[in-house]
Amino acid sequence: MQTVKFVRDFRGMATNEQFFRAGEVVDFPYLDIPQLIAEGAAELVEETEPEVVVDEAKPDLDNLTVAELREIAQERGISYSGLRKAELVEALK
C-alpha cells in the first residue's frame, strides 16, 4: 500500500468505481497507483516518518527528598504545609 492524493474528483476502474474527491488522501495498492497517476487523477504522497512526541521526563517522586518535593509543590502552586512525604507525593501525582 502507498498513500496517494487525488488531484481531481475521480471514479474509475482503478478504484473499483468508488468515487474520490479532489484533495482526498487514501492508501492504495501499489498495482493501481500507476494507472491513477497516468490518468492524472492522483499523485503520490511523500512518505514521512511519523512524528514521535516524547513526554517530558517526570521525576520519580518517591526517590526525591522532602525538600525537593516541597520545591516542586511550590512551583505547581500546591500547598504542602503540614504534609508528610507520602502525602506530598500523592498531592504531586
C-alpha atoms as a PDB file:
ATOM      1  CA  MET A   1       0.000   0.000   0.000  1.00  0.00           C
ATOM      2  CA  GLN A   2       1.070   3.549  -0.656  1.00  0.00           C
ATOM      3  CA  THR A   3      -0.582   6.859   0.001  1.00  0.00           C
ATOM      4  CA  VAL A   4      -1.952   8.936  -2.867  1.00  0.00           C
ATOM      5  CA  LYS A   5      -3.705  12.278  -3.003  1.00  0.00           C
ATOM      6  CA  PHE A   6      -6.419  12.799  -5.575  1.00  0.00           C
ATOM      7  CA  VAL A   7      -5.837  15.946  -7.603  1.00  0.00           C
ATOM      8  CA  ARG A   8      -9.315  15.898  -9.147  1.00  0.00           C
ATOM      9  CA  ASP A   9     -12.619  14.194  -8.482  1.00  0.00           C
ATOM     10  CA  PHE A  10     -12.305  10.653  -9.781  1.00  0.00           C
ATOM     11  CA  ARG A  11     -14.285   7.472 -10.331  1.00  0.00           C
ATOM     12  CA  GLY A  12     -12.885   4.672 -12.463  1.00  0.00           C
ATOM     13  CA  MET A  13     -11.751   1.087 -12.873  1.00  0.00           C
ATOM     14  CA  ALA A  14      -8.608   1.592 -10.769  1.00  0.00           C
ATOM     15  CA  THR A  15     -10.824   2.486  -7.810  1.00  0.00           C
ATOM     16  CA  ASN A  16     -13.493  -0.173  -8.455  1.00  0.00           C
ATOM     17  CA  GLU A  17     -15.833   2.656  -9.436  1.00  0.00           C
ATOM     18  CA  GLN A  18     -15.531   4.165  -5.948  1.00  0.00           C
ATOM     19  CA  PHE A  19     -15.744   7.981  -6.024  1.00  0.00           C
ATOM     20  CA  PHE A  20     -12.965  10.136  -4.562  1.00  0.00           C
ATOM     21  CA  ARG A  21     -12.965  13.907  -4.225  1.00  0.00           C
ATOM     22  CA  ALA A  22     -10.028  16.150  -5.138  1.00  0.00           C
ATOM     23  CA  GLY A  23      -7.745  16.579  -2.144  1.00  0.00           C
ATOM     24  CA  GLU A  24      -8.697  13.257  -0.579  1.00  0.00           C
ATOM     25  CA  VAL A  25      -5.714  11.251   0.717  1.00  0.00           C
ATOM     26  CA  VAL A  26      -6.053   7.466   0.546  1.00  0.00           C
ATOM     27  CA  ASP A  27      -3.903   4.336   0.891  1.00  0.00           C
ATOM     28  CA  PHE A  28      -3.930   2.320  -2.344  1.00  0.00           C
ATOM     29  CA  PRO A  29      -2.422  -0.982  -3.512  1.00  0.00           C
ATOM     30  CA  TYR A  30       0.848  -0.434  -5.416  1.00  0.00           C
ATOM     31  CA  LEU A  31      -0.541  -2.027  -8.577  1.00  0.00           C
ATOM     32  CA  ASP A  32      -3.329   0.542  -9.004  1.00  0.00           C
ATOM     33  CA  ILE A  33      -1.222   3.654  -8.437  1.00  0.00           C
ATOM     34  CA  PRO A  34       0.491   3.905 -11.870  1.00  0.00           C
ATOM     35  CA  GLN A  35      -2.907   3.943 -13.588  1.00  0.00           C
ATOM     36  CA  LEU A  36      -4.205   6.669 -11.264  1.00  0.00           C
ATOM     37  CA  ILE A  37      -1.126   8.789 -11.917  1.00  0.00           C
ATOM     38  CA  ALA A  38      -1.233   8.173 -15.688  1.00  0.00           C
ATOM     39  CA  GLU A  39      -4.855   9.310 -15.794  1.00  0.00           C
ATOM     40  CA  GLY A  40      -3.905  12.486 -13.920  1.00  0.00           C
ATOM     41  CA  ALA A  41      -6.246  11.590 -11.104  1.00  0.00           C
ATOM     42  CA  ALA A  42      -3.767  11.260  -8.253  1.00  0.00           C
ATOM     43  CA  GLU A  43      -0.225  11.912  -7.120  1.00  0.00           C
ATOM     44  CA  LEU A  44       1.982  10.081  -4.676  1.00  0.00           C
ATOM     45  CA  VAL A  45       2.177  11.466  -1.196  1.00  0.00           C
ATOM     46  CA  GLU A  46       5.700  11.511   0.128  1.00  0.00           C
ATOM     47  CA  GLU A  47       6.041   9.070   2.948  1.00  0.00           C
ATOM     48  CA  THR A  48       7.360  10.693   6.084  1.00  0.00           C
ATOM     49  CA  GLU A  49       8.256   9.254   9.417  1.00  0.00           C
ATOM     50  CA  PRO A  50       5.500   9.779  11.967  1.00  0.00           C
ATOM     51  CA  GLU A  51       6.354  12.455  14.480  1.00  0.00           C
ATOM     52  CA  VAL A  52       7.131  10.957  17.832  1.00  0.00           C
ATOM     53  CA  VAL A  53       6.024  13.003  20.803  1.00  0.00           C
ATOM     54  CA  VAL A  54       8.053  12.346  23.903  1.00  0.00           C
ATOM     55  CA  ASP A  55       6.598  13.234  27.266  1.00  0.00           C
ATOM     56  CA  GLU A  56       8.810  15.283  29.499  1.00  0.00           C
ATOM     57  CA  ALA A  57      10.608  13.047  31.937  1.00  0.00           C
ATOM     58  CA  LYS A  58       8.745  13.051  35.213  1.00  0.00           C
ATOM     59  CA  PRO A  59      10.884  12.585  38.278  1.00  0.00           C
ATOM     60  CA  ASP A  60      10.310   9.505  40.389  1.00  0.00           C
ATOM     61  CA  LEU A  61       8.658  11.341  43.256  1.00  0.00           C
ATOM     62  CA  ASP A  62       9.233   8.523  45.727  1.00  0.00           C
ATOM     63  CA  ASN A  63      13.003   8.902  45.362  1.00  0.00           C
ATOM     64  CA  LEU A  64      13.084  12.669  45.948  1.00  0.00           C
ATOM     65  CA  THR A  65      13.791  14.306  49.270  1.00  0.00           C
ATOM     66  CA  VAL A  66      11.087  16.187  51.146  1.00  0.00           C
ATOM     67  CA  ALA A  67      12.867  19.454  50.304  1.00  0.00           C
ATOM     68  CA  GLU A  68      12.795  18.585  46.569  1.00  0.00           C
ATOM     69  CA  LEU A  69       9.122  17.605  46.799  1.00  0.00           C
ATOM     70  CA  ARG A  70       8.285  20.900  48.537  1.00  0.00           C
ATOM     71  CA  GLU A  71      10.114  22.818  45.808  1.00  0.00           C
ATOM     72  CA  ILE A  72       8.060  21.054  43.104  1.00  0.00           C
ATOM     73  CA  ALA A  73       4.865  21.662  45.081  1.00  0.00           C
ATOM     74  CA  GLN A  74       5.699  25.346  45.355  1.00  0.00           C
ATOM     75  CA  GLU A  75       6.381  25.567  41.585  1.00  0.00           C
ATOM     76  CA  ARG A  76       2.986  23.976  40.920  1.00  0.00           C
ATOM     77  CA  GLY A  77       1.154  26.152  43.450  1.00  0.00           C
ATOM     78  CA  ILE A  78       0.278  23.193  45.693  1.00  0.00           C
ATOM     79  CA  SER A  79       0.036  23.809  49.418  1.00  0.00           C
ATOM     80  CA  TYR A  80       2.418  21.481  51.237  1.00  0.00           C
ATOM     81  CA  SER A  81       2.320  22.802  54.774  1.00  0.00           C
ATOM     82  CA  GLY A  82       1.986  20.001  57.322  1.00  0.00           C
ATOM     83  CA  LEU A  83       2.100  17.204  54.723  1.00  0.00           C
ATOM     84  CA  ARG A  84       4.229  14.130  55.299  1.00  0.00           C
ATOM     85  CA  LYS A  85       6.365  12.786  52.470  1.00  0.00           C
ATOM     86  CA  ALA A  86       3.815  10.170  51.331  1.00  0.00           C
ATOM     87  CA  GLU A  87       1.022  12.763  51.382  1.00  0.00           C
ATOM     88  CA  LEU A  88       3.190  15.213  49.479  1.00  0.00           C
ATOM     89  CA  VAL A  89       3.969  12.572  46.841  1.00  0.00           C
ATOM     90  CA  GLU A  90       0.227  11.886  46.421  1.00  0.00           C
ATOM     91  CA  ALA A  91      -0.561  15.591  46.150  1.00  0.00           C
ATOM     92  CA  LEU A  92       2.006  15.921  43.353  1.00  0.00           C
ATOM     93  CA  LYS A  93       0.772  12.966  41.298  1.00  0.00           C
END
